[in-house]
Amino acid sequence: MQEVNLSIEMLLELHHYNDKHDYIYHHMVANSIISGFIAKKLNYDHSDCMQVALAAYLSDIGMIKEGAYFYKKDGVLTEAEYEKVQKHPIVSYRMLEHEPFLSRNIKLAVLQHHERLDGSGYPLGVKEDKLHSFARIIAVSDMYHAMTSERLYRKKQSPFKVIEEMMNEFLGKLDLKIIEALVQSIVYFSNGTRVRLTNNEIGEIVFVDERHPTRPMVKSESNDEIIQLVNHQDLYIEEIISS
């Protein structure tokens, strides 16, 4: 499926192309690509993968209609601004509601992409079986790209740190099966893989523990020390580097 056929390396580098001043536009494209990629990993057929990708692309058009200034604000949103942000899925849905060429699945995914399994999301607080499968995929993709991207009010984070946070802190909110599909796509380490850590140390992976896939053992190139990332919670893999 050529339209969303990106490599793992491209997926890991996608957030580097983000411009914090025009984040919303980069996010729309990246969210679409990542969502389609995840759908493909979940063995969705071609048509559904394309619908997921299109729904992800359209999910924030309501924010653009509202001016997109929320994404450009250098600081914490006021309560009134946050309430307005929470309504943007409804605005997006209303803009698409009567478009005959868009399926009901796409429209529902747009409306629900910020909902959570436990009902803590927005705009309607729906949960579990009322959440469309497309929306569940976009929720994971949206969060992953947002957390790995440079923003005016926050530095970008390592994809591996973000994956770890999503696995540990959003259980019960995001669909675990979808998170695992993303994990299996990104965490494809093997012995000999060269990586750069968040302290800029370059090393080679020598052992991967299946229980902690984002925290393998890394042999430092500078002093041959074996760094067990599971024992260094302040360190993360920043990126995979070519040999």
C-alpha atoms as a PDB file:
ATOM      1  CA  MET A   1       0.000   0.000   0.000  1.00  0.00           C
ATOM      2  CA  GLN A   2       2.133   2.781  -1.369  1.00  0.00           C
ATOM      3  CA  GLU A   3       0.288   5.759   0.103  1.00  0.00           C
ATOM      4  CA  VAL A   4       1.164   4.882   3.705  1.00  0.00           C
ATOM      5  CA  ASN A   5       4.134   2.635   3.034  1.00  0.00           C
ATOM      6  CA  LEU A   6       6.844   4.258   5.155  1.00  0.00           C
ATOM      7  CA  SER A   7       9.826   2.452   6.618  1.00  0.00           C
ATOM      8  CA  ILE A   8      10.535   2.089  10.325  1.00  0.00           C
ATOM      9  CA  GLU A   9      13.430   4.525   9.941  1.00  0.00           C
ATOM     10  CA  MET A  10      11.106   7.108   8.377  1.00  0.00           C
ATOM     11  CA  LEU A  11       8.576   6.609  11.159  1.00  0.00           C
ATOM     12  CA  LEU A  12      11.252   7.268  13.786  1.00  0.00           C
ATOM     13  CA  GLU A  13      12.483  10.383  11.959  1.00  0.00           C
ATOM     14  CA  LEU A  14       9.116  11.855  11.012  1.00  0.00           C
ATOM     15  CA  HIS A  15       8.898  14.134  14.055  1.00  0.00           C
ATOM     16  CA  HIS A  16      12.251  15.732  13.181  1.00  0.00           C
ATOM     17  CA  TYR A  17      10.617  17.476  10.226  1.00  0.00           C
ATOM     18  CA  ASN A  18       8.142  19.275  12.458  1.00  0.00           C
ATOM     19  CA  ASP A  19       8.253  23.085  12.617  1.00  0.00           C
ATOM     20  CA  LYS A  20       7.023  24.227  16.015  1.00  0.00           C
ATOM     21  CA  HIS A  21       5.624  27.442  14.518  1.00  0.00           C
ATOM     22  CA  ASP A  22       3.490  25.530  12.020  1.00  0.00           C
ATOM     23  CA  TYR A  23       2.954  22.455  14.154  1.00  0.00           C
ATOM     24  CA  ILE A  24      -0.730  21.967  13.313  1.00  0.00           C
ATOM     25  CA  TYR A  25      -0.058  21.541   9.581  1.00  0.00           C
ATOM     26  CA  HIS A  26       2.849  19.139  10.077  1.00  0.00           C
ATOM     27  CA  HIS A  27       0.797  17.233  12.630  1.00  0.00           C
ATOM     28  CA  MET A  28      -2.109  16.728  10.235  1.00  0.00           C
ATOM     29  CA  VAL A  29       0.166  15.115   7.643  1.00  0.00           C
ATOM     30  CA  ALA A  30       2.256  13.086  10.105  1.00  0.00           C
ATOM     31  CA  ASN A  31      -0.794  11.881  12.018  1.00  0.00           C
ATOM     32  CA  SER A  32      -2.307  10.668   8.768  1.00  0.00           C
ATOM     33  CA  ILE A  33       0.843   8.776   7.774  1.00  0.00           C
ATOM     34  CA  ILE A  34       1.342   7.176  11.192  1.00  0.00           C
ATOM     35  CA  SER A  35      -2.319   6.199  11.541  1.00  0.00           C
ATOM     36  CA  GLY A  36      -2.322   4.528   8.142  1.00  0.00           C
ATOM     37  CA  PHE A  37       0.909   2.767   9.033  1.00  0.00           C
ATOM     38  CA  ILE A  38      -0.551   1.398  12.282  1.00  0.00           C
ATOM     39  CA  ALA A  39      -3.718   0.255  10.509  1.00  0.00           C
ATOM     40  CA  LYS A  40      -1.585  -1.649   8.047  1.00  0.00           C
ATOM     41  CA  LYS A  41       0.370  -3.265  10.900  1.00  0.00           C
ATOM     42  CA  LEU A  42      -2.981  -4.351  12.356  1.00  0.00           C
ATOM     43  CA  ASN A  43      -3.785  -6.054   9.014  1.00  0.00           C
ATOM     44  CA  TYR A  44      -6.566  -3.686   7.986  1.00  0.00           C
ATOM     45  CA  ASP A  45      -7.346  -3.961   4.301  1.00  0.00           C
ATOM     46  CA  HIS A  46      -6.248  -1.292   1.836  1.00  0.00           C
ATOM     47  CA  SER A  47      -9.563   0.568   1.853  1.00  0.00           C
ATOM     48  CA  ASP A  48      -9.742   0.770   5.639  1.00  0.00           C
ATOM     49  CA  CYS A  49      -6.091   1.857   5.913  1.00  0.00           C
ATOM     50  CA  MET A  50      -6.804   4.727   3.550  1.00  0.00           C
ATOM     51  CA  GLN A  51      -9.948   5.676   5.460  1.00  0.00           C
ATOM     52  CA  VAL A  52      -8.026   5.714   8.754  1.00  0.00           C
ATOM     53  CA  ALA A  53      -5.321   7.901   7.196  1.00  0.00           C
ATOM     54  CA  LEU A  54      -7.886  10.305   5.738  1.00  0.00           C
ATOM     55  CA  ALA A  55      -9.788  10.538   9.025  1.00  0.00           C
ATOM     56  CA  ALA A  56      -6.527  11.346  10.847  1.00  0.00           C
ATOM     57  CA  TYR A  57      -5.704  14.058   8.324  1.00  0.00           C
ATOM     58  CA  LEU A  58      -9.134  15.649   8.701  1.00  0.00           C
ATOM     59  CA  SER A  59      -9.398  15.310  12.474  1.00  0.00           C
ATOM     60  CA  ASP A  60      -7.949  18.747  13.289  1.00  0.00           C
ATOM     61  CA  ILE A  61      -9.504  20.865  10.561  1.00  0.00           C
ATOM     62  CA  GLY A  62     -11.823  22.283  13.202  1.00  0.00           C
ATOM     63  CA  MET A  63      -8.754  23.686  14.953  1.00  0.00           C
ATOM     64  CA  ILE A  64      -7.698  25.455  11.785  1.00  0.00           C
ATOM     65  CA  LYS A  65     -11.172  26.913  11.433  1.00  0.00           C
ATOM     66  CA  GLU A  66     -10.854  28.259  14.970  1.00  0.00           C
ATOM     67  CA  GLY A  67      -7.608  29.963  13.980  1.00  0.00           C
ATOM     68  CA  ALA A  68      -5.060  27.381  15.151  1.00  0.00           C
ATOM     69  CA  TYR A  69      -3.678  29.929  17.621  1.00  0.00           C
ATOM     70  CA  PHE A  70      -3.918  27.360  20.407  1.00  0.00           C
ATOM     71  CA  TYR A  71      -1.058  25.464  18.801  1.00  0.00           C
ATOM     72  CA  LYS A  72       0.989  28.649  18.511  1.00  0.00           C
ATOM     73  CA  LYS A  73       0.577  29.839  22.066  1.00  0.00           C
ATOM     74  CA  ASP A  74       3.839  29.815  23.997  1.00  0.00           C
ATOM     75  CA  GLY A  75       2.463  28.776  27.362  1.00  0.00           C
ATOM     76  CA  VAL A  76      -0.325  27.029  29.221  1.00  0.00           C
ATOM     77  CA  LEU A  77      -3.843  27.442  27.867  1.00  0.00           C
ATOM     78  CA  THR A  78      -6.395  29.264  29.962  1.00  0.00           C
ATOM     79  CA  GLU A  79      -9.436  27.310  31.113  1.00  0.00           C
ATOM     80  CA  ALA A  80     -11.577  29.020  28.476  1.00  0.00           C
ATOM     81  CA  GLU A  81      -9.046  28.225  25.748  1.00  0.00           C
ATOM     82  CA  TYR A  82      -8.830  24.595  26.819  1.00  0.00           C
ATOM     83  CA  GLU A  83     -12.615  24.287  26.743  1.00  0.00           C
ATOM     84  CA  LYS A  84     -12.516  25.588  23.191  1.00  0.00           C
ATOM     85  CA  VAL A  85      -9.818  23.064  22.261  1.00  0.00           C
ATOM     86  CA  GLN A  86     -12.018  20.285  23.605  1.00  0.00           C
ATOM     87  CA  LYS A  87     -14.724  21.289  21.163  1.00  0.00           C
ATOM     88  CA  HIS A  88     -12.580  21.119  18.042  1.00  0.00           C
ATOM     89  CA  PRO A  89     -13.539  17.480  17.229  1.00  0.00           C
ATOM     90  CA  ILE A  90     -17.173  18.609  17.103  1.00  0.00           C
ATOM     91  CA  VAL A  91     -16.248  21.537  14.847  1.00  0.00           C
ATOM     92  CA  SER A  92     -14.313  19.161  12.577  1.00  0.00           C
ATOM     93  CA  TYR A  93     -17.230  16.726  12.514  1.00  0.00           C
ATOM     94  CA  ARG A  94     -19.746  19.442  11.659  1.00  0.00           C
ATOM     95  CA  MET A  95     -17.579  20.585   8.757  1.00  0.00           C
ATOM     96  CA  LEU A  96     -17.624  17.047   7.327  1.00  0.00           C
ATOM     97  CA  GLU A  97     -21.045  15.844   8.441  1.00  0.00           C
ATOM     98  CA  HIS A  98     -22.850  16.327   5.136  1.00  0.00           C
ATOM     99  CA  GLU A  99     -20.001  15.465   2.772  1.00  0.00           C
ATOM    100  CA  PRO A 100     -21.373  12.532   0.724  1.00  0.00           C
ATOM    101  CA  PHE A 101     -17.966  11.251  -0.378  1.00  0.00           C
ATOM    102  CA  LEU A 102     -16.831  10.597   3.220  1.00  0.00           C
ATOM    103  CA  SER A 103     -17.920   7.423   4.959  1.00  0.00           C
ATOM    104  CA  ARG A 104     -19.627   7.327   8.333  1.00  0.00           C
ATOM    105  CA  ASN A 105     -16.517   5.577   9.676  1.00  0.00           C
ATOM    106  CA  ILE A 106     -14.342   8.570   8.792  1.00  0.00           C
ATOM    107  CA  LYS A 107     -16.766  11.071  10.301  1.00  0.00           C
ATOM    108  CA  LEU A 108     -17.100   9.075  13.513  1.00  0.00           C
ATOM    109  CA  ALA A 109     -13.325   8.701  13.817  1.00  0.00           C
ATOM    110  CA  VAL A 110     -12.909  12.468  13.440  1.00  0.00           C
ATOM    111  CA  LEU A 111     -15.464  13.083  16.176  1.00  0.00           C
ATOM    112  CA  GLN A 112     -13.977  10.512  18.569  1.00  0.00           C
ATOM    113  CA  HIS A 113     -10.209  10.806  18.081  1.00  0.00           C
ATOM    114  CA  HIS A 114      -9.686  12.424  21.502  1.00  0.00           C
ATOM    115  CA  GLU A 115     -11.966  10.051  23.393  1.00  0.00           C
ATOM    116  CA  ARG A 116     -10.487   7.489  25.804  1.00  0.00           C
ATOM    117  CA  LEU A 117     -11.475   3.936  26.724  1.00  0.00           C
ATOM    118  CA  ASP A 118     -12.228   4.937  30.321  1.00  0.00           C
ATOM    119  CA  GLY A 119     -14.446   7.859  29.314  1.00  0.00           C
ATOM    120  CA  SER A 120     -11.924  10.515  30.342  1.00  0.00           C
ATOM    121  CA  GLY A 121     -11.532  11.950  26.844  1.00  0.00           C
ATOM    122  CA  TYR A 122     -13.435  14.616  24.953  1.00  0.00           C
ATOM    123  CA  PRO A 123     -15.701  15.997  23.538  1.00  0.00           C
ATOM    124  CA  LEU A 124     -18.455  13.567  24.608  1.00  0.00           C
ATOM    125  CA  GLY A 125     -16.768  11.297  27.161  1.00  0.00           C
ATOM    126  CA  VAL A 126     -17.799   8.114  25.380  1.00  0.00           C
ATOM    127  CA  LYS A 127     -15.864   4.937  26.159  1.00  0.00           C
ATOM    128  CA  GLU A 128     -15.063   1.304  25.433  1.00  0.00           C
ATOM    129  CA  ASP A 129     -17.441  -0.340  22.934  1.00  0.00           C
ATOM    130  CA  LYS A 130     -18.794   3.016  21.757  1.00  0.00           C
ATOM    131  CA  LEU A 131     -15.364   4.012  20.417  1.00  0.00           C
ATOM    132  CA  HIS A 132     -14.830   3.315  16.736  1.00  0.00           C
ATOM    133  CA  SER A 133     -11.732   1.259  15.913  1.00  0.00           C
ATOM    134  CA  PHE A 134     -10.482   3.997  13.547  1.00  0.00           C
ATOM    135  CA  ALA A 135     -10.693   6.545  16.375  1.00  0.00           C
ATOM    136  CA  ARG A 136      -8.700   4.239  18.659  1.00  0.00           C
ATOM    137  CA  ILE A 137      -5.880   4.108  16.113  1.00  0.00           C
ATOM    138  CA  ILE A 138      -5.851   7.874  15.595  1.00  0.00           C
ATOM    139  CA  ALA A 139      -5.820   8.449  19.369  1.00  0.00           C
ATOM    140  CA  VAL A 140      -2.536   6.520  19.645  1.00  0.00           C
ATOM    141  CA  SER A 141      -1.002   8.105  16.549  1.00  0.00           C
ATOM    142  CA  ASP A 142      -2.068  11.609  17.583  1.00  0.00           C
ATOM    143  CA  MET A 143      -0.517  11.269  21.042  1.00  0.00           C
ATOM    144  CA  TYR A 144       2.689   9.673  19.754  1.00  0.00           C
ATOM    145  CA  HIS A 145       3.374  12.416  17.225  1.00  0.00           C
ATOM    146  CA  ALA A 146       2.374  15.232  19.582  1.00  0.00           C
ATOM    147  CA  MET A 147       4.708  14.000  22.333  1.00  0.00           C
ATOM    148  CA  THR A 148       7.670  13.436  20.001  1.00  0.00           C
ATOM    149  CA  SER A 149       7.331  16.827  18.295  1.00  0.00           C
ATOM    150  CA  GLU A 150       8.927  20.146  19.125  1.00  0.00           C
ATOM    151  CA  ARG A 151       6.310  22.567  20.427  1.00  0.00           C
ATOM    152  CA  LEU A 152       6.498  26.232  21.380  1.00  0.00           C
ATOM    153  CA  TYR A 153       5.901  25.330  25.019  1.00  0.00           C
ATOM    154  CA  ARG A 154       7.690  21.957  25.207  1.00  0.00           C
ATOM    155  CA  LYS A 155      10.768  20.201  23.843  1.00  0.00           C
ATOM    156  CA  LYS A 156      10.323  17.091  21.757  1.00  0.00           C
ATOM    157  CA  GLN A 157      10.880  13.750  23.473  1.00  0.00           C
ATOM    158  CA  SER A 158      12.600  10.574  22.372  1.00  0.00           C
ATOM    159  CA  PRO A 159      10.194   8.226  20.524  1.00  0.00           C
ATOM    160  CA  PHE A 160      11.317   5.437  22.841  1.00  0.00           C
ATOM    161  CA  LYS A 161      10.581   7.508  25.942  1.00  0.00           C
ATOM    162  CA  VAL A 162       7.151   8.362  24.554  1.00  0.00           C
ATOM    163  CA  ILE A 163       6.404   4.722  23.786  1.00  0.00           C
ATOM    164  CA  GLU A 164       7.400   3.832  27.337  1.00  0.00           C
ATOM    165  CA  GLU A 165       5.105   6.505  28.775  1.00  0.00           C
ATOM    166  CA  MET A 166       2.222   5.387  26.608  1.00  0.00           C
ATOM    167  CA  MET A 167       2.691   1.778  27.709  1.00  0.00           C
ATOM    168  CA  ASN A 168       2.941   2.653  31.406  1.00  0.00           C
ATOM    169  CA  GLU A 169       0.751   5.705  31.933  1.00  0.00           C
ATOM    170  CA  PHE A 170      -2.101   5.348  29.471  1.00  0.00           C
ATOM    171  CA  LEU A 171      -3.207   1.774  30.054  1.00  0.00           C
ATOM    172  CA  GLY A 172      -6.973   1.759  30.312  1.00  0.00           C
ATOM    173  CA  LYS A 173      -7.162   4.963  28.275  1.00  0.00           C
ATOM    174  CA  LEU A 174      -5.626   3.898  24.959  1.00  0.00           C
ATOM    175  CA  ASP A 175      -6.130   0.563  23.194  1.00  0.00           C
ATOM    176  CA  LEU A 176      -3.257  -1.696  24.289  1.00  0.00           C
ATOM    177  CA  LYS A 177      -3.408  -3.737  21.084  1.00  0.00           C
ATOM    178  CA  ILE A 178      -2.791  -0.586  19.051  1.00  0.00           C
ATOM    179  CA  ILE A 179       0.033   0.606  21.312  1.00  0.00           C
ATOM    180  CA  GLU A 180       1.643  -2.826  20.980  1.00  0.00           C
ATOM    181  CA  ALA A 181       1.426  -2.594  17.177  1.00  0.00           C
ATOM    182  CA  LEU A 182       3.319   0.695  17.349  1.00  0.00           C
ATOM    183  CA  VAL A 183       5.823  -0.758  19.840  1.00  0.00           C
ATOM    184  CA  GLN A 184       6.485  -3.770  17.625  1.00  0.00           C
ATOM    185  CA  SER A 185       7.054  -1.421  14.694  1.00  0.00           C
ATOM    186  CA  ILE A 186       9.441   0.930  16.456  1.00  0.00           C
ATOM    187  CA  VAL A 187      11.263  -1.334  18.902  1.00  0.00           C
ATOM    188  CA  TYR A 188      12.899  -3.614  16.383  1.00  0.00           C
ATOM    189  CA  PHE A 189      16.291  -3.769  18.068  1.00  0.00           C
ATOM    190  CA  SER A 190      18.661  -6.641  17.495  1.00  0.00           C
ATOM    191  CA  ASN A 191      22.136  -7.305  18.826  1.00  0.00           C
ATOM    192  CA  GLY A 192      24.580  -5.014  17.070  1.00  0.00           C
ATOM    193  CA  THR A 193      22.131  -2.148  16.517  1.00  0.00           C
ATOM    194  CA  ARG A 194      23.913   1.173  17.135  1.00  0.00           C
ATOM    195  CA  VAL A 195      21.995   3.790  19.100  1.00  0.00           C
ATOM    196  CA  ARG A 196      22.457   7.223  20.609  1.00  0.00           C
ATOM    197  CA  LEU A 197      21.233   7.756  24.147  1.00  0.00           C
ATOM    198  CA  THR A 198      19.718  10.935  25.564  1.00  0.00           C
ATOM    199  CA  ASN A 199      23.094  11.750  27.174  1.00  0.00           C
ATOM    200  CA  ASN A 200      24.639  11.603  23.656  1.00  0.00           C
ATOM    201  CA  GLU A 201      26.465   8.360  24.439  1.00  0.00           C
ATOM    202  CA  ILE A 202      26.860   6.149  21.360  1.00  0.00           C
ATOM    203  CA  GLY A 203      26.612   2.439  21.921  1.00  0.00           C
ATOM    204  CA  GLU A 204      25.757  -0.967  20.537  1.00  0.00           C
ATOM    205  CA  ILE A 205      22.850  -3.086  21.736  1.00  0.00           C
ATOM    206  CA  VAL A 206      24.082  -6.384  23.151  1.00  0.00           C
ATOM    207  CA  PHE A 207      20.914  -7.798  24.747  1.00  0.00           C
ATOM    208  CA  VAL A 208      17.181  -7.153  24.483  1.00  0.00           C
ATOM    209  CA  ASP A 209      14.901  -8.151  27.356  1.00  0.00           C
ATOM    210  CA  GLU A 210      11.403  -8.936  26.037  1.00  0.00           C
ATOM    211  CA  ARG A 211       9.917  -7.668  29.299  1.00  0.00           C
ATOM    212  CA  HIS A 212      11.482  -4.235  28.755  1.00  0.00           C
ATOM    213  CA  PRO A 213      11.739  -3.824  24.969  1.00  0.00           C
ATOM    214  CA  THR A 214      12.602  -0.102  25.095  1.00  0.00           C
ATOM    215  CA  ARG A 215      15.421  -0.687  27.623  1.00  0.00           C
ATOM    216  CA  PRO A 216      18.025  -3.071  26.212  1.00  0.00           C
ATOM    217  CA  MET A 217      21.628  -3.452  27.391  1.00  0.00           C
ATOM    218  CA  VAL A 218      23.921  -1.075  25.508  1.00  0.00           C
ATOM    219  CA  LYS A 219      27.699  -1.356  25.235  1.00  0.00           C
ATOM    220  CA  SER A 220      29.267   2.093  25.218  1.00  0.00           C
ATOM    221  CA  GLU A 221      31.619   2.791  22.327  1.00  0.00           C
ATOM    222  CA  SER A 222      33.669   5.204  24.420  1.00  0.00           C
ATOM    223  CA  ASN A 223      34.660   2.855  27.258  1.00  0.00           C
ATOM    224  CA  ASP A 224      33.069  -0.571  26.588  1.00  0.00           C
ATOM    225  CA  GLU A 225      30.857  -0.182  29.665  1.00  0.00           C
ATOM    226  CA  ILE A 226      27.613  -2.174  29.584  1.00  0.00           C
ATOM    227  CA  ILE A 227      24.732   0.204  30.312  1.00  0.00           C
ATOM    228  CA  GLN A 228      21.617  -1.592  31.526  1.00  0.00           C
ATOM    229  CA  LEU A 229      18.941   0.939  30.654  1.00  0.00           C
ATOM    230  CA  VAL A 230      16.431  -0.799  32.901  1.00  0.00           C
ATOM    231  CA  ASN A 231      18.596   0.390  35.817  1.00  0.00           C
ATOM    232  CA  HIS A 232      18.931   3.950  34.477  1.00  0.00           C
ATOM    233  CA  GLN A 233      15.415   5.369  34.335  1.00  0.00           C
ATOM    234  CA  ASP A 234      16.776   8.825  33.476  1.00  0.00           C
ATOM    235  CA  LEU A 235      18.323   7.519  30.231  1.00  0.00           C
ATOM    236  CA  TYR A 236      16.487   6.707  27.020  1.00  0.00           C
ATOM    237  CA  ILE A 237      17.415   5.734  23.499  1.00  0.00           C
ATOM    238  CA  GLU A 238      17.278   8.950  21.499  1.00  0.00           C
ATOM    239  CA  GLU A 239      17.612   7.394  18.065  1.00  0.00           C
ATOM    240  CA  ILE A 240      18.932   4.498  16.050  1.00  0.00           C
ATOM    241  CA  ILE A 241      21.995   5.458  14.041  1.00  0.00           C
ATOM    242  CA  SER A 242      23.417   3.869  10.925  1.00  0.00           C
ATOM    243  CA  SER A 243      26.612   1.862  11.080  1.00  0.00           C
END
